[in-house]
Amino acid sequence: MSKTTRATQALAKAGVAFTVHTYDYDPTADRVGIQAAEALGEDPSRVLKTLMAEVDGKPVCVIVPSDREVSMKKLASAFKGKSANMMKPVDAERLTGFVVGGISPFGQKKQVPTAIEEAALAHEAVYMNGGQRGLQVRLAPRDVVAALKAIAAPVIA
């Protein structure tokens, strides 16, 4: 497995300090983020999942703890929209250039507005997808906000 991806390259270019961690990705797992947390021996609240959604028909990226679900109402509100829905996997892959299970908020083909669950900022470090299945990056959540120009908002159900 390559530890250099568009995501890790984008982080390095942005000057963000991070470490790379690999694990055995299980494509049959019901909840990929939970499986990643278990494989890394980490609390699921510190292993964040990257989801692609649409607010009022426009693409957005949302980052939440792997053991939580997104509130569509709160997500729409975070982007000052009326409604939100999850993006179809095929559309998420086309937009980001990553495969589902390996979507990172960093290094996407087209950067879109991003929201991160504000509770994640309470952690000193979090894990996020590094741009391929079985690859996570560990970094400070405040660096995530700065690198992505993300908004921190309450977006979980």
Protein backbone atom coordinates (compact mmCIF):
# COMPACT_ATOMS: atom_id res chain seq x y z
CA MET A 1 0.00 0.00 0.00
CA SER A 2 1.32 3.40 -0.95
CA LYS A 3 1.46 5.89 1.88
CA THR A 4 1.59 8.77 -0.57
CA THR A 5 -1.80 9.82 -1.92
CA ARG A 6 -3.32 13.04 -3.21
CA ALA A 7 -4.57 13.56 0.36
CA THR A 8 -1.16 13.20 2.02
CA GLN A 9 0.40 15.36 -0.69
CA ALA A 10 -2.21 18.08 -0.08
CA LEU A 11 -1.53 17.97 3.67
CA ALA A 12 2.22 18.20 3.16
CA LYS A 13 1.80 21.08 0.70
CA ALA A 14 -0.40 22.91 3.25
CA GLY A 15 2.32 22.46 5.89
CA VAL A 16 0.08 20.37 8.17
CA ALA A 17 1.81 18.06 10.64
CA PHE A 18 0.41 14.52 10.37
CA THR A 19 1.35 10.89 10.75
CA VAL A 20 0.21 8.02 8.53
CA HIS A 21 -1.39 4.87 9.93
CA THR A 22 -2.42 1.76 8.02
CA TYR A 23 -4.88 -0.97 8.95
CA ASP A 24 -6.52 -3.96 7.29
CA TYR A 25 -9.57 -2.53 5.54
CA ASP A 26 -12.61 -4.83 5.64
CA PRO A 27 -14.85 -4.20 2.61
CA THR A 28 -17.62 -6.29 4.22
CA ALA A 29 -17.81 -4.15 7.37
CA ASP A 30 -21.24 -2.64 8.03
CA ARG A 31 -19.68 0.59 9.27
CA VAL A 32 -16.29 1.31 7.73
CA GLY A 33 -15.42 4.07 10.21
CA ILE A 34 -16.12 1.86 13.22
CA GLN A 35 -14.04 -0.91 11.65
CA ALA A 36 -11.16 1.56 11.16
CA ALA A 37 -11.40 2.68 14.80
CA GLU A 38 -11.34 -0.91 16.04
CA ALA A 39 -8.42 -1.82 13.78
CA LEU A 40 -6.45 1.21 15.01
CA GLY A 41 -7.39 0.57 18.66
CA GLU A 42 -8.87 4.06 18.92
CA ASP A 43 -12.07 5.50 20.35
CA PRO A 44 -14.59 5.92 17.48
CA SER A 45 -15.13 9.55 18.51
CA ARG A 46 -11.52 10.26 17.49
CA VAL A 47 -11.73 8.44 14.13
CA LEU A 48 -13.64 10.73 11.81
CA LYS A 49 -15.47 9.72 8.66
CA THR A 50 -15.68 11.85 5.55
CA LEU A 51 -19.07 11.98 3.88
CA MET A 52 -20.22 13.75 0.77
CA ALA A 53 -23.62 15.39 0.75
CA GLU A 54 -25.62 18.06 -1.02
CA VAL A 55 -27.16 21.17 0.50
CA ASP A 56 -29.79 22.77 -1.69
CA GLY A 57 -28.37 20.72 -4.57
CA LYS A 58 -24.77 21.90 -4.11
CA PRO A 59 -22.00 19.46 -3.07
CA VAL A 60 -20.52 19.68 0.42
CA CYS A 61 -18.16 17.58 2.51
CA VAL A 62 -19.02 16.74 6.11
CA ILE A 63 -16.68 15.22 8.70
CA VAL A 64 -18.14 13.48 11.75
CA PRO A 65 -17.06 10.93 14.37
CA SER A 66 -17.27 7.40 12.98
CA ASP A 67 -19.81 6.34 15.62
CA ARG A 68 -22.27 9.14 14.85
CA GLU A 69 -24.72 10.00 12.08
CA VAL A 70 -25.21 13.32 10.29
CA SER A 71 -28.36 15.31 10.99
CA MET A 72 -29.52 16.52 7.59
CA LYS A 73 -31.39 19.40 9.22
CA LYS A 74 -28.27 20.54 11.12
CA LEU A 75 -26.09 20.08 8.04
CA ALA A 76 -28.39 22.27 5.94
CA SER A 77 -28.41 24.87 8.72
CA ALA A 78 -24.59 24.84 8.96
CA PHE A 79 -24.42 25.90 5.31
CA LYS A 80 -27.39 28.27 5.62
CA GLY A 81 -29.46 26.03 3.35
CA LYS A 82 -32.97 24.65 3.41
CA SER A 83 -32.39 20.93 2.83
CA ALA A 84 -29.60 18.36 2.73
CA ASN A 85 -29.20 14.80 1.53
CA MET A 86 -26.38 12.30 1.18
CA MET A 87 -24.66 12.17 -2.19
CA LYS A 88 -24.87 8.93 -4.17
CA PRO A 89 -21.62 6.94 -3.86
CA VAL A 90 -20.94 7.07 -7.61
CA ASP A 91 -21.33 10.87 -7.58
CA ALA A 92 -19.07 11.17 -4.52
CA GLU A 93 -16.38 9.12 -6.24
CA ARG A 94 -16.60 11.17 -9.44
CA LEU A 95 -16.46 14.49 -7.57
CA THR A 96 -13.64 13.60 -5.17
CA GLY A 97 -11.52 11.26 -7.27
CA PHE A 98 -11.44 8.80 -4.36
CA VAL A 99 -13.27 5.49 -3.95
CA VAL A 100 -15.89 5.03 -1.24
CA GLY A 101 -14.11 3.81 1.89
CA GLY A 102 -11.11 5.89 0.87
CA ILE A 103 -12.63 9.37 0.52
CA SER A 104 -10.52 12.01 2.21
CA PRO A 105 -11.45 15.67 2.61
CA PHE A 106 -7.90 16.51 1.53
CA GLY A 107 -6.77 16.43 -2.10
CA GLN A 108 -10.22 16.05 -3.63
CA LYS A 109 -10.41 16.70 -7.37
CA LYS A 110 -12.78 19.58 -6.69
CA GLN A 111 -12.62 21.15 -3.24
CA VAL A 112 -16.10 21.84 -1.90
CA PRO A 113 -17.32 23.65 1.23
CA THR A 114 -16.60 21.50 4.28
CA ALA A 115 -18.12 21.23 7.75
CA ILE A 116 -16.61 19.36 10.69
CA GLU A 117 -18.54 18.33 13.78
CA GLU A 118 -17.56 20.92 16.38
CA ALA A 119 -17.23 18.27 19.12
CA ALA A 120 -14.21 16.85 17.24
CA LEU A 121 -12.27 20.03 18.05
CA ALA A 122 -12.16 18.95 21.71
CA HIS A 123 -9.61 16.25 20.85
CA GLU A 124 -5.88 16.92 20.69
CA ALA A 125 -5.63 14.66 17.64
CA VAL A 126 -8.04 12.83 15.37
CA TYR A 127 -7.76 10.25 12.59
CA MET A 128 -9.15 10.83 9.11
CA ASN A 129 -9.03 8.98 5.83
CA GLY A 130 -5.73 9.47 4.05
CA GLY A 131 -7.03 8.98 0.53
CA GLN A 132 -7.26 5.22 0.19
CA ARG A 133 -8.88 2.29 1.93
CA GLY A 134 -6.89 1.19 4.96
CA LEU A 135 -4.96 4.46 5.28
CA GLN A 136 -5.61 7.04 8.01
CA VAL A 137 -3.82 10.26 8.89
CA ARG A 138 -3.53 11.49 12.48
CA LEU A 139 -3.55 15.25 12.91
CA ALA A 140 -4.85 18.10 15.05
CA PRO A 141 -8.51 18.89 14.31
CA ARG A 142 -7.78 22.63 14.33
CA ASP A 143 -5.30 22.00 11.49
CA VAL A 144 -8.14 20.30 9.59
CA VAL A 145 -10.28 23.43 9.95
CA ALA A 146 -7.43 25.68 8.83
CA ALA A 147 -6.30 23.53 5.88
CA LEU A 148 -9.82 23.06 4.51
CA LYS A 149 -11.20 26.46 5.53
CA ALA A 150 -13.91 24.31 7.12
CA ILE A 151 -16.70 25.47 9.35
CA ALA A 152 -17.03 23.85 12.75
CA ALA A 153 -20.70 23.30 13.54
CA PRO A 154 -22.99 20.87 15.37
CA VAL A 155 -23.93 18.52 12.52
CA ILE A 156 -24.52 15.17 14.24
CA ALA A 157 -27.92 13.72 15.05
